[in-house]
Amino acid sequence: MARTFCCLAVPTLRTAVIAVVAIAAGLANAQFWPQVVIEAPNGTSSGSRFGSAMAMEGDWLLIGAPSMDDGAPGTGAAFLFNRYEGGENAWGFVKKLEPPALQAGSAFGSAVELSDGRAFVSAPGEPWTVLPVGAVHVFEQDLGGTDQWEHRQRIMPANVQAGMEFGATFSVRNDLLVVNSPRYDEDPTDQQLVGAGLIIGFIRESSGLYSERRSVRGDSLMPTCAYRPCAGERTALVNGVVMFAGRNGLYYLESGILQEQSSGPVQASPVLLANDFGIPPDPVWYTGIAAADGVVVTCMRTTGFVHPRAVSFAEVDAQDGPHQEGVMHPDSNTFLDWWLDGGWGEAMDMHGDVVAVGAFGHPTFTPLGHVDVYVRDEGVAERWRFLQRISPSDPATGDMFGYSVAVHGDVVAAGAPGAGYDNAGRAYVFTDPTVGVEEGYREHNLVVHPNPARCGQGHVRIRFPGGNAGRTVLLHAQDGAVMGLYPVQDGVLPIDALVPGMYLARSQGTSACARFIILP
């Protein structure tokens, strides 16, 4: 999507840059997905960073606020919302998840996940006796009654160490839970060397509780430790493989190894990249990672002003490892995009054939965070087609919109932990208005011109397969609702009565259709 720049008479270079950034992003961010704003629940303290982490499964949305002062400084909090609480697509508040005896500095809500009726919430600063070790808490949806979401288990490592940040990140799939402890130091007496970190595997037993199986140090896991911690900042589980993404590169390991009750060094294998689709030959480090349905997507970054890339891997298996499949590029092409795309790919989520990539911008300079949405398309060379750039209706400097993302079905959620006058944070939920509306075959579709159109121009022209004589279209609004039949005389459709938004026009009696947008 191209951006247009204007020549502005402004007194300073910094003011000029800010103005150009605002204009560029304002044009690029026009979108028509229905939006629901989720404010931080009542009682959320200033600086809580509500929206720092989020997860979605079905109609449930889990949001973390790790800096909330809940009875003591920095205890943290996590909140559950439901799509139909308070009405259809209302995304109303349901419950605050509360583990027992949460203490100051726990940072509960730093990382969250929803999986098979369970909610996982980490507290990487939670004390064990007096040592800040970290913990992962498990809640079950129907424990104590339907949709009660009661606390089931507090998971801590057997080998505790002060400041190890157990639960800073984690990944769960089926009965396996893999937890990262990036601050674990294998030699605390060595004041000159940062610790290598630690990865621990837990398995859910028949009792429903998780038990520790195997821990692997980062310096054992990675063949080289140019950067520490070595274990990788992000993990993903898919098809019997756990993948590690971080400054040391992208690696994979058979996940069954972490389910064994044994110890000793285990070395992961590097993921090799093919220089296809414009992938830079020398990625410096990897940031976000997401997995779903046998596919893993990870983001790579390089030096200088080279744009990041998100690379997808399919046919991921323990024997052959991941196979490079396609790539996603930021929807950007200007010299200022290294600001606008700040943090692009550090937050990622995937469900089915849809990937959401957050770009929260610079936390104090650029106010225009966004989320890029991609959909799998075997008809394009890169295998992924850019679908939509999503932005909040009320962007503000430092809101960090896109710091966290979650996607499920037709819904994309994004966190803005710096939003609000008191930095309590905010979350946004967007719905794809075209999901569930059949498009028909592309080669038989309608053609609308101009697209986008503007309200004041009065009409658009529609070209039908087989000619324009005596045609009628059925219009759907952006929420999928049927608006009615509209006659099209000589290929002309009046739009004076239509408000700005996205529409889908379907030729009556055929499968031909076309999306078009009306701008204010």
Protein backbone atom coordinates (compact mmCIF):
# COMPACT_ATOMS: atom_id res chain seq x y z
CA MET A 1 0.00 0.00 0.00
CA ALA A 2 1.69 3.22 -1.14
CA ARG A 3 1.87 6.29 1.07
CA THR A 4 1.64 9.90 -0.12
CA PHE A 5 3.68 12.73 1.40
CA CYS A 6 3.02 16.45 1.43
CA CYS A 7 5.42 19.39 1.50
CA LEU A 8 4.90 21.17 4.81
CA ALA A 9 6.19 24.53 6.01
CA VAL A 10 7.34 23.72 9.52
CA PRO A 11 9.88 25.46 11.76
CA THR A 12 12.11 22.52 12.72
CA LEU A 13 13.23 19.24 11.19
CA ARG A 14 11.87 17.25 14.14
CA THR A 15 8.45 18.88 13.78
CA ALA A 16 8.53 18.20 10.05
CA VAL A 17 9.33 14.55 10.59
CA ILE A 18 6.51 14.14 13.11
CA ALA A 19 4.03 15.81 10.77
CA VAL A 20 5.04 13.71 7.78
CA VAL A 21 4.88 10.53 9.83
CA ALA A 22 1.39 11.43 11.02
CA ILE A 23 0.13 12.17 7.51
CA ALA A 24 1.71 9.06 6.00
CA ALA A 25 0.37 6.74 8.64
CA GLY A 26 -3.05 8.38 8.63
CA LEU A 27 -3.47 7.63 4.94
CA ALA A 28 -2.15 4.10 5.21
CA ASN A 29 -4.18 3.20 8.27
CA ALA A 30 -7.65 3.77 6.83
CA GLN A 31 -9.59 0.61 7.62
CA PHE A 32 -13.17 -0.43 7.97
CA TRP A 33 -13.14 -3.42 10.28
CA PRO A 34 -15.66 -2.94 13.10
CA GLN A 35 -13.80 -2.07 16.30
CA VAL A 36 -14.57 -2.72 19.98
CA VAL A 37 -12.49 -0.85 22.56
CA ILE A 38 -11.81 -2.70 25.82
CA GLU A 39 -10.86 -0.31 28.58
CA ALA A 40 -8.85 -1.51 31.55
CA PRO A 41 -11.37 -2.87 34.11
CA ASN A 42 -12.42 -0.78 37.08
CA GLY A 43 -9.79 -0.74 39.77
CA THR A 44 -6.87 -1.10 37.37
CA SER A 45 -4.07 1.08 38.70
CA SER A 46 -2.07 3.67 36.79
CA GLY A 47 0.76 2.17 34.79
CA SER A 48 -0.73 -1.35 34.88
CA ARG A 49 0.17 -2.00 31.22
CA PHE A 50 -3.14 -3.70 30.53
CA GLY A 51 -2.75 -5.22 27.06
CA SER A 52 0.90 -6.24 27.41
CA ALA A 53 -0.04 -9.86 26.70
CA MET A 54 -3.13 -11.49 25.23
CA ALA A 55 -4.44 -14.81 23.99
CA MET A 56 -7.64 -15.90 22.27
CA GLU A 57 -9.44 -19.22 21.91
CA GLY A 58 -12.98 -19.51 20.62
CA ASP A 59 -15.04 -16.70 22.14
CA TRP A 60 -12.61 -16.10 25.02
CA LEU A 61 -9.99 -13.37 25.24
CA LEU A 62 -7.36 -13.30 28.01
CA ILE A 63 -5.46 -10.05 28.68
CA GLY A 64 -2.51 -9.51 31.01
CA ALA A 65 -1.65 -6.39 33.04
CA PRO A 66 1.74 -7.33 34.56
CA SER A 67 2.49 -3.95 36.21
CA MET A 68 -0.79 -3.62 38.09
CA ASP A 69 -0.61 -2.79 41.80
CA ASP A 70 -3.14 -5.22 43.22
CA GLY A 71 -2.77 -4.94 46.98
CA ALA A 72 1.00 -4.59 46.61
CA PRO A 73 3.28 -2.94 44.01
CA GLY A 74 3.74 -4.85 40.76
CA THR A 75 1.67 -7.91 41.60
CA GLY A 76 0.10 -7.93 38.14
CA ALA A 77 -3.28 -9.16 36.97
CA ALA A 78 -5.04 -11.08 34.18
CA PHE A 79 -8.61 -10.59 32.94
CA LEU A 80 -11.01 -12.75 30.92
CA PHE A 81 -13.45 -11.36 28.37
CA ASN A 82 -16.08 -13.08 26.23
CA ARG A 83 -17.34 -12.16 22.79
CA TYR A 84 -21.01 -12.39 23.81
CA GLU A 85 -20.81 -10.98 27.34
CA GLY A 86 -23.12 -7.96 27.26
CA GLY A 87 -24.37 -8.59 23.72
CA GLU A 88 -23.19 -9.85 20.36
CA ASN A 89 -19.56 -8.91 19.71
CA ALA A 90 -19.57 -6.88 22.94
CA TRP A 91 -16.40 -8.48 24.35
CA GLY A 92 -17.48 -7.80 27.90
CA PHE A 93 -15.51 -8.44 31.08
CA VAL A 94 -16.19 -11.84 32.69
CA LYS A 95 -13.64 -12.50 35.41
CA LYS A 96 -10.34 -11.52 36.94
CA LEU A 97 -8.08 -14.56 37.30
CA GLU A 98 -6.64 -14.66 40.80
CA PRO A 99 -3.96 -17.08 41.97
CA PRO A 100 -3.55 -17.64 45.69
CA ALA A 101 -1.28 -15.37 47.76
CA LEU A 102 0.12 -13.26 44.92
CA GLN A 103 2.99 -11.09 46.18
CA ALA A 104 4.64 -7.80 45.26
CA GLY A 105 6.81 -7.84 42.14
CA SER A 106 5.27 -11.04 40.74
CA ALA A 107 4.37 -9.42 37.38
CA PHE A 108 1.44 -11.85 37.00
CA GLY A 109 0.10 -11.51 33.45
CA SER A 110 3.48 -11.08 31.71
CA ALA A 111 2.70 -13.95 29.31
CA VAL A 112 -0.69 -15.62 28.76
CA GLU A 113 -2.11 -18.52 26.75
CA LEU A 114 -5.47 -20.23 26.24
CA SER A 115 -5.42 -23.90 25.28
CA ASP A 116 -8.09 -26.61 25.44
CA GLY A 117 -10.16 -24.98 28.16
CA ARG A 118 -7.15 -23.94 30.24
CA ALA A 119 -5.70 -20.51 30.90
CA PHE A 120 -1.94 -20.23 31.50
CA VAL A 121 -0.61 -17.06 33.09
CA SER A 122 3.03 -16.45 34.02
CA ALA A 123 4.42 -14.42 36.92
CA PRO A 124 8.20 -14.30 36.23
CA GLY A 125 8.92 -12.32 39.40
CA GLU A 126 6.87 -14.40 41.83
CA PRO A 127 8.84 -15.32 44.98
CA TRP A 128 9.58 -18.80 46.23
CA THR A 129 9.87 -18.19 49.98
CA VAL A 130 11.83 -14.93 49.59
CA LEU A 131 13.62 -15.55 46.27
CA PRO A 132 12.13 -13.97 43.10
CA VAL A 133 12.01 -17.12 40.97
CA GLY A 134 8.85 -16.97 38.85
CA ALA A 135 5.86 -19.24 38.29
CA VAL A 136 3.25 -20.28 35.73
CA HIS A 137 -0.34 -20.56 36.95
CA VAL A 138 -2.97 -22.82 35.39
CA PHE A 139 -6.73 -22.15 35.52
CA GLU A 140 -9.41 -24.52 34.22
CA GLN A 141 -12.58 -23.31 32.57
CA ASP A 142 -15.08 -25.64 34.22
CA LEU A 143 -13.30 -26.20 37.54
CA GLY A 144 -15.82 -25.31 40.24
CA GLY A 145 -18.65 -25.09 37.70
CA THR A 146 -19.30 -24.11 34.09
CA ASP A 147 -17.08 -21.20 33.00
CA GLN A 148 -15.80 -20.62 36.53
CA TRP A 149 -12.11 -20.57 35.52
CA GLU A 150 -10.77 -21.54 38.92
CA HIS A 151 -7.10 -21.84 39.83
CA ARG A 152 -5.77 -25.38 39.29
CA GLN A 153 -1.99 -25.33 39.76
CA ARG A 154 1.02 -23.18 40.48
CA ILE A 155 4.02 -24.46 38.49
CA MET A 156 7.56 -23.72 39.67
CA PRO A 157 10.91 -25.31 38.76
CA ALA A 158 12.66 -27.84 40.94
CA ASN A 159 15.98 -26.04 40.61
CA VAL A 160 15.20 -22.51 41.80
CA GLN A 161 17.49 -19.53 41.47
CA ALA A 162 16.91 -15.93 42.41
CA GLY A 163 16.06 -13.77 39.42
CA MET A 164 15.82 -16.61 36.89
CA GLU A 165 12.51 -15.19 35.52
CA PHE A 166 10.85 -18.57 35.15
CA GLY A 167 7.87 -18.02 32.86
CA ALA A 168 9.14 -14.92 31.04
CA THR A 169 7.91 -16.76 27.93
CA PHE A 170 6.35 -20.16 27.48
CA SER A 171 4.56 -22.33 24.93
CA VAL A 172 1.92 -25.01 25.37
CA ARG A 173 0.53 -27.60 22.98
CA ASN A 174 -1.55 -30.65 23.92
CA ASP A 175 0.00 -32.05 27.14
CA LEU A 176 3.43 -30.39 26.83
CA LEU A 177 4.37 -27.09 28.46
CA VAL A 178 7.78 -25.56 27.65
CA VAL A 179 8.88 -22.72 29.93
CA ASN A 180 11.78 -20.33 29.39
CA SER A 181 13.91 -18.98 32.27
CA PRO A 182 16.14 -16.46 30.44
CA ARG A 183 17.93 -15.16 33.55
CA TYR A 184 19.04 -18.52 34.85
CA ASP A 185 22.80 -18.31 35.49
CA GLU A 186 24.76 -21.56 35.42
CA ASP A 187 27.63 -19.87 37.30
CA PRO A 188 26.38 -17.06 39.58
CA THR A 189 29.89 -16.53 40.93
CA ASP A 190 31.10 -15.35 37.54
CA GLN A 191 30.27 -11.66 37.64
CA GLN A 192 31.56 -11.03 34.12
CA LEU A 193 29.26 -13.38 32.17
CA VAL A 194 25.51 -13.25 31.73
CA GLY A 195 23.77 -16.58 32.33
CA ALA A 196 22.93 -18.92 29.48
CA GLY A 197 19.27 -19.36 30.42
CA LEU A 198 17.22 -22.50 30.92
CA ILE A 199 14.40 -24.32 29.09
CA ILE A 200 12.19 -26.69 31.11
CA GLY A 201 9.64 -29.19 29.82
CA PHE A 202 6.52 -30.12 31.80
CA ILE A 203 4.00 -32.86 30.94
CA ARG A 204 0.36 -33.00 32.02
CA GLU A 205 -0.26 -36.25 33.88
CA SER A 206 -3.50 -38.25 34.10
CA SER A 207 -4.28 -36.30 37.28
CA GLY A 208 -4.51 -33.13 35.20
CA LEU A 209 -1.47 -31.62 36.91
CA TYR A 210 1.81 -30.73 35.22
CA SER A 211 5.06 -32.30 36.41
CA GLU A 212 8.60 -31.31 35.51
CA ARG A 213 10.42 -33.69 33.15
CA ARG A 214 13.59 -32.19 31.76
CA SER A 215 15.56 -28.96 31.97
CA VAL A 216 18.18 -27.96 29.39
CA ARG A 217 20.67 -25.13 29.79
CA GLY A 218 20.98 -22.63 26.98
CA ASP A 219 24.72 -23.16 26.48
CA SER A 220 23.98 -26.85 25.95
CA LEU A 221 21.02 -26.23 23.67
CA MET A 222 22.72 -23.84 21.25
CA PRO A 223 25.92 -24.87 19.41
CA THR A 224 27.13 -21.26 19.66
CA CYS A 225 26.37 -18.66 22.31
CA ALA A 226 27.38 -15.38 20.70
CA TYR A 227 24.58 -13.76 22.68
CA ARG A 228 23.25 -14.62 26.11
CA PRO A 229 20.84 -15.91 27.22
CA CYS A 230 21.39 -18.66 24.65
CA ALA A 231 18.07 -20.48 24.83
CA GLY A 232 16.22 -18.02 22.63
CA GLU A 233 13.73 -15.38 23.68
CA ARG A 234 10.67 -17.02 22.04
CA THR A 235 9.46 -20.60 21.60
CA ALA A 236 6.74 -22.36 19.60
CA LEU A 237 5.45 -25.94 19.67
CA VAL A 238 4.16 -27.66 16.53
CA ASN A 239 4.07 -31.27 15.22
CA GLY A 240 6.46 -32.73 17.76
CA VAL A 241 8.98 -29.91 17.36
CA VAL A 242 9.86 -26.99 19.61
CA MET A 243 11.40 -24.02 17.82
CA PHE A 244 13.58 -21.37 19.44
CA ALA A 245 13.90 -17.86 18.03
CA GLY A 246 16.38 -15.33 19.37
CA ARG A 247 19.61 -13.42 18.80
CA ASN A 248 21.56 -16.64 18.29
CA GLY A 249 19.37 -17.65 15.37
CA LEU A 250 16.47 -19.99 14.71
CA TYR A 251 16.73 -23.58 16.00
CA TYR A 252 14.50 -26.61 16.44
CA LEU A 253 14.47 -29.62 18.74
CA GLU A 254 12.32 -32.73 18.94
CA SER A 255 9.82 -31.88 21.66
CA GLY A 256 9.76 -35.46 22.97
CA ILE A 257 13.25 -34.88 24.37
CA LEU A 258 11.82 -32.35 26.83
CA GLN A 259 9.27 -34.92 28.01
CA GLU A 260 11.94 -37.39 29.11
CA GLN A 261 12.82 -37.67 32.78
CA SER A 262 16.55 -37.30 32.27
CA SER A 263 19.28 -34.69 32.30
CA GLY A 264 22.39 -33.87 30.35
CA PRO A 265 23.19 -31.72 27.33
CA VAL A 266 20.83 -31.60 24.36
CA GLN A 267 21.69 -29.69 21.22
CA ALA A 268 19.15 -28.10 18.92
CA SER A 269 19.57 -28.01 15.13
CA PRO A 270 19.75 -24.74 13.16
CA VAL A 271 17.04 -23.84 10.67
CA LEU A 272 18.64 -23.00 7.33
CA LEU A 273 17.09 -20.35 5.11
CA ALA A 274 16.87 -20.26 1.33
CA ASN A 275 17.42 -16.82 -0.13
CA ASP A 276 13.97 -16.69 -1.70
CA PHE A 277 11.25 -14.02 -1.79
CA GLY A 278 13.70 -11.23 -0.93
CA ILE A 279 14.81 -12.73 2.38
CA PRO A 280 18.01 -10.98 3.50
CA PRO A 281 21.03 -13.33 3.36
CA ASP A 282 22.26 -12.30 6.81
CA PRO A 283 19.48 -12.13 9.42
CA VAL A 284 20.84 -10.77 12.68
CA TRP A 285 18.24 -12.05 15.09
CA TYR A 286 14.74 -13.44 15.31
CA THR A 287 11.92 -11.88 17.32
CA GLY A 288 8.28 -13.04 17.39
CA ILE A 289 7.16 -16.57 16.63
CA ALA A 290 3.74 -18.19 16.21
CA ALA A 291 2.47 -21.65 15.25
CA ALA A 292 -0.79 -23.27 14.18
CA ASP A 293 -1.89 -26.32 12.20
CA GLY A 294 1.60 -27.54 11.31
CA VAL A 295 2.93 -24.13 10.26
CA VAL A 296 5.40 -21.90 12.09
CA VAL A 297 5.90 -18.21 11.35
CA THR A 298 8.84 -16.25 12.71
CA CYS A 299 10.16 -12.73 12.16
CA MET A 300 13.77 -11.94 11.26
CA ARG A 301 15.54 -8.61 11.54
CA THR A 302 18.76 -7.32 10.01
CA THR A 303 21.08 -4.37 10.45
CA GLY A 304 20.47 -0.89 9.10
CA PHE A 305 17.18 0.14 7.51
CA VAL A 306 16.40 -3.20 5.86
CA HIS A 307 12.78 -4.09 6.58
CA PRO A 308 12.09 -7.15 8.72
CA ARG A 309 10.52 -10.25 7.18
CA ALA A 310 8.20 -12.91 8.55
CA VAL A 311 9.04 -16.35 7.20
CA SER A 312 6.66 -19.32 7.29
CA PHE A 313 7.67 -22.97 7.57
CA ALA A 314 5.38 -25.86 6.71
CA GLU A 315 5.65 -29.65 7.02
CA VAL A 316 7.40 -29.15 10.34
CA ASP A 317 8.41 -32.53 11.77
CA ALA A 318 11.01 -33.88 14.16
CA GLN A 319 12.82 -35.93 11.51
CA ASP A 320 13.31 -33.41 8.72
CA GLY A 321 12.80 -30.16 10.59
CA PRO A 322 10.92 -27.15 9.23
CA HIS A 323 10.65 -26.51 5.49
CA GLN A 324 10.69 -22.90 4.34
CA GLU A 325 7.40 -22.09 2.66
CA GLY A 326 6.77 -18.37 2.16
CA VAL A 327 7.34 -14.86 3.42
CA MET A 328 5.44 -11.79 4.60
CA HIS A 329 6.76 -8.25 4.09
CA PRO A 330 5.68 -5.16 6.04
CA ASP A 331 3.07 -3.20 4.16
CA SER A 332 5.40 -0.26 3.74
CA ASN A 333 7.70 1.33 1.19
CA THR A 334 8.97 4.70 2.44
CA PHE A 335 12.18 5.86 4.06
CA LEU A 336 10.35 6.54 7.33
CA ASP A 337 9.05 3.01 7.74
CA TRP A 338 11.85 1.96 10.06
CA TRP A 339 10.01 4.25 12.53
CA LEU A 340 6.50 3.29 11.54
CA ASP A 341 7.37 -0.41 11.62
CA GLY A 342 9.14 -0.23 14.97
CA GLY A 343 8.76 -3.55 16.76
CA TRP A 344 7.24 -5.18 13.66
CA GLY A 345 7.08 -8.92 14.31
CA GLU A 346 7.87 -8.89 18.01
CA ALA A 347 4.23 -9.76 18.62
CA MET A 348 2.72 -12.39 16.32
CA ASP A 349 -0.20 -14.78 16.40
CA MET A 350 -1.64 -17.30 13.97
CA HIS A 351 -4.87 -19.20 13.57
CA GLY A 352 -5.66 -21.32 10.53
CA ASP A 353 -4.61 -19.40 7.44
CA VAL A 354 -4.46 -15.98 9.10
CA VAL A 355 -1.40 -14.32 10.66
CA ALA A 356 -1.41 -11.06 12.64
CA VAL A 357 1.85 -9.13 13.06
CA GLY A 358 2.12 -6.25 15.53
CA ALA A 359 4.24 -3.12 15.03
CA PHE A 360 4.04 -0.93 18.14
CA GLY A 361 6.26 1.87 16.86
CA HIS A 362 8.70 3.80 19.02
CA PRO A 363 7.40 3.89 22.61
CA THR A 364 7.90 7.66 23.06
CA PHE A 365 8.27 9.14 19.58
CA THR A 366 6.03 7.52 16.99
CA PRO A 367 2.38 7.40 18.05
CA LEU A 368 1.17 5.20 15.23
CA GLY A 369 1.37 1.53 16.10
CA HIS A 370 -0.52 -0.88 13.86
CA VAL A 371 -1.18 -4.54 13.11
CA ASP A 372 -0.67 -6.10 9.68
CA VAL A 373 -2.93 -9.05 8.81
CA TYR A 374 -2.01 -11.67 6.20
CA VAL A 375 -3.93 -14.57 4.72
CA ARG A 376 -2.58 -17.69 3.03
CA ASP A 377 -2.94 -17.50 -0.74
CA GLU A 378 -1.47 -20.27 -2.88
CA GLY A 379 -2.07 -18.08 -5.91
CA VAL A 380 0.77 -15.70 -5.08
CA ALA A 381 4.48 -16.54 -5.22
CA GLU A 382 5.16 -15.64 -1.59
CA ARG A 383 2.24 -17.79 -0.33
CA TRP A 384 0.89 -14.98 1.86
CA ARG A 385 -1.24 -12.06 0.77
CA PHE A 386 -1.47 -8.83 2.72
CA LEU A 387 -5.09 -8.45 3.84
CA GLN A 388 -5.43 -5.41 6.08
CA ARG A 389 -3.55 -2.87 8.15
CA ILE A 390 -5.39 -2.28 11.43
CA SER A 391 -5.04 0.83 13.57
CA PRO A 392 -6.93 2.16 16.59
CA SER A 393 -9.54 4.89 16.23
CA ASP A 394 -7.73 6.99 18.84
CA PRO A 395 -3.93 6.68 18.36
CA ALA A 396 -1.76 8.59 20.81
CA THR A 397 1.94 9.00 21.38
CA GLY A 398 3.36 6.15 23.41
CA ASP A 399 0.24 3.94 23.41
CA MET A 400 2.26 1.09 21.81
CA PHE A 401 -0.70 -0.31 19.91
CA GLY A 402 0.33 -3.72 18.53
CA TYR A 403 2.61 -4.58 21.46
CA SER A 404 0.57 -7.79 21.76
CA VAL A 405 -1.77 -9.49 19.28
CA ALA A 406 -4.18 -12.42 19.18
CA VAL A 407 -6.16 -13.87 16.29
CA HIS A 408 -8.94 -16.45 16.11
CA GLY A 409 -11.34 -16.96 13.22
CA ASP A 410 -12.59 -13.59 11.99
CA VAL A 411 -11.28 -11.66 15.01
CA VAL A 412 -7.96 -9.86 15.55
CA ALA A 413 -7.19 -8.35 18.96
CA ALA A 414 -4.37 -5.92 19.76
CA GLY A 415 -3.02 -4.54 23.02
CA ALA A 416 -1.91 -0.95 23.67
CA PRO A 417 -0.30 -1.14 27.13
CA GLY A 418 0.74 2.52 27.12
CA ALA A 419 -2.72 3.88 26.29
CA GLY A 420 -4.79 6.14 28.52
CA TYR A 421 -3.97 9.33 30.35
CA ASP A 422 -2.61 7.28 33.25
CA ASN A 423 -0.97 4.56 31.10
CA ALA A 424 -3.28 1.93 32.51
CA GLY A 425 -3.50 0.38 29.04
CA ARG A 426 -6.23 -0.56 26.61
CA ALA A 427 -7.15 -3.38 24.20
CA TYR A 428 -8.95 -3.39 20.85
CA VAL A 429 -10.88 -6.10 19.05
CA PHE A 430 -11.48 -5.96 15.28
CA THR A 431 -13.73 -8.19 13.18
CA ASP A 432 -13.17 -8.97 9.51
CA PRO A 433 -16.47 -7.92 7.90
CA THR A 434 -16.02 -10.21 4.89
CA VAL A 435 -15.61 -13.52 6.72
CA GLY A 436 -18.55 -15.81 6.04
CA VAL A 437 -19.60 -13.95 2.87
CA GLU A 438 -18.96 -16.09 -0.19
CA GLU A 439 -16.94 -14.33 -2.89
CA GLY A 440 -17.38 -16.71 -5.82
CA TYR A 441 -14.68 -17.43 -8.36
CA ARG A 442 -12.19 -14.66 -9.02
CA GLU A 443 -12.26 -14.98 -12.78
CA HIS A 444 -16.03 -14.42 -12.75
CA ASN A 445 -16.11 -11.51 -10.31
CA LEU A 446 -17.51 -8.02 -10.74
CA VAL A 447 -15.20 -5.06 -11.30
CA VAL A 448 -15.91 -1.83 -9.40
CA HIS A 449 -14.36 1.52 -10.39
CA PRO A 450 -13.16 3.70 -8.77
CA ASN A 451 -12.30 1.64 -5.71
CA PRO A 452 -12.00 3.17 -3.16
CA ALA A 453 -14.71 5.67 -3.98
CA ARG A 454 -15.70 8.84 -2.10
CA CYS A 455 -19.12 9.81 -0.81
CA GLY A 456 -19.30 13.01 -2.82
CA GLN A 457 -18.77 11.47 -6.23
CA GLY A 458 -22.33 10.09 -6.40
CA HIS A 459 -21.79 6.72 -8.09
CA VAL A 460 -19.43 3.91 -9.00
CA ARG A 461 -19.31 1.86 -12.16
CA ILE A 462 -19.70 -1.92 -12.08
CA ARG A 463 -18.71 -4.22 -14.92
CA PHE A 464 -20.53 -7.58 -14.94
CA PRO A 465 -19.32 -10.77 -16.60
CA GLY A 466 -21.35 -11.12 -19.81
CA GLY A 467 -22.44 -7.47 -20.05
CA ASN A 468 -24.16 -4.77 -17.98
CA ALA A 469 -27.70 -4.78 -19.34
CA GLY A 470 -30.54 -5.02 -16.79
CA ARG A 471 -28.45 -5.98 -13.77
CA THR A 472 -29.18 -5.94 -10.02
CA VAL A 473 -26.74 -6.35 -7.11
CA LEU A 474 -27.30 -7.52 -3.56
CA LEU A 475 -25.31 -5.34 -1.15
CA HIS A 476 -23.81 -6.55 2.14
CA ALA A 477 -22.60 -4.05 4.76
CA GLN A 478 -19.21 -4.39 6.50
CA ASP A 479 -20.75 -6.46 9.30
CA GLY A 480 -22.12 -8.94 6.73
CA ALA A 481 -25.72 -7.73 7.05
CA VAL A 482 -27.84 -7.74 3.88
CA MET A 483 -28.76 -4.19 2.87
CA GLY A 484 -31.03 -5.07 -0.05
CA LEU A 485 -31.23 -5.20 -3.84
CA TYR A 486 -29.91 -2.25 -5.85
CA PRO A 487 -30.54 -1.80 -9.58
CA VAL A 488 -27.53 -1.05 -11.77
CA GLN A 489 -28.46 0.96 -14.88
CA ASP A 490 -25.89 0.83 -17.68
CA GLY A 491 -23.24 -0.25 -15.19
CA VAL A 492 -23.80 2.67 -12.81
CA LEU A 493 -24.54 2.11 -9.08
CA PRO A 494 -25.58 5.26 -7.11
CA ILE A 495 -23.81 5.52 -3.75
CA ASP A 496 -25.31 8.76 -2.37
CA ALA A 497 -27.25 6.80 0.27
CA LEU A 498 -24.27 4.74 1.42
CA VAL A 499 -22.17 5.75 4.43
CA PRO A 500 -18.38 5.32 4.47
CA GLY A 501 -17.30 1.72 4.95
CA MET A 502 -16.61 -1.57 3.19
CA TYR A 503 -19.30 -3.23 1.07
CA LEU A 504 -19.70 -6.46 -0.85
CA ALA A 505 -21.77 -6.38 -4.04
CA ARG A 506 -23.14 -9.67 -5.39
CA SER A 507 -24.70 -10.08 -8.80
CA GLN A 508 -28.21 -11.41 -8.29
CA GLY A 509 -28.56 -14.97 -9.50
CA THR A 510 -24.82 -15.59 -9.97
CA SER A 511 -21.71 -16.09 -7.82
CA ALA A 512 -20.00 -12.95 -9.16
CA CYS A 513 -19.14 -10.38 -6.50
CA ALA A 514 -16.70 -7.62 -5.55
CA ARG A 515 -15.63 -5.76 -2.41
CA PHE A 516 -15.44 -1.99 -2.59
CA ILE A 517 -14.75 0.81 -0.12
CA ILE A 518 -16.39 4.21 0.26
CA LEU A 519 -14.23 6.86 1.90
CA PRO A 520 -15.60 9.94 3.73
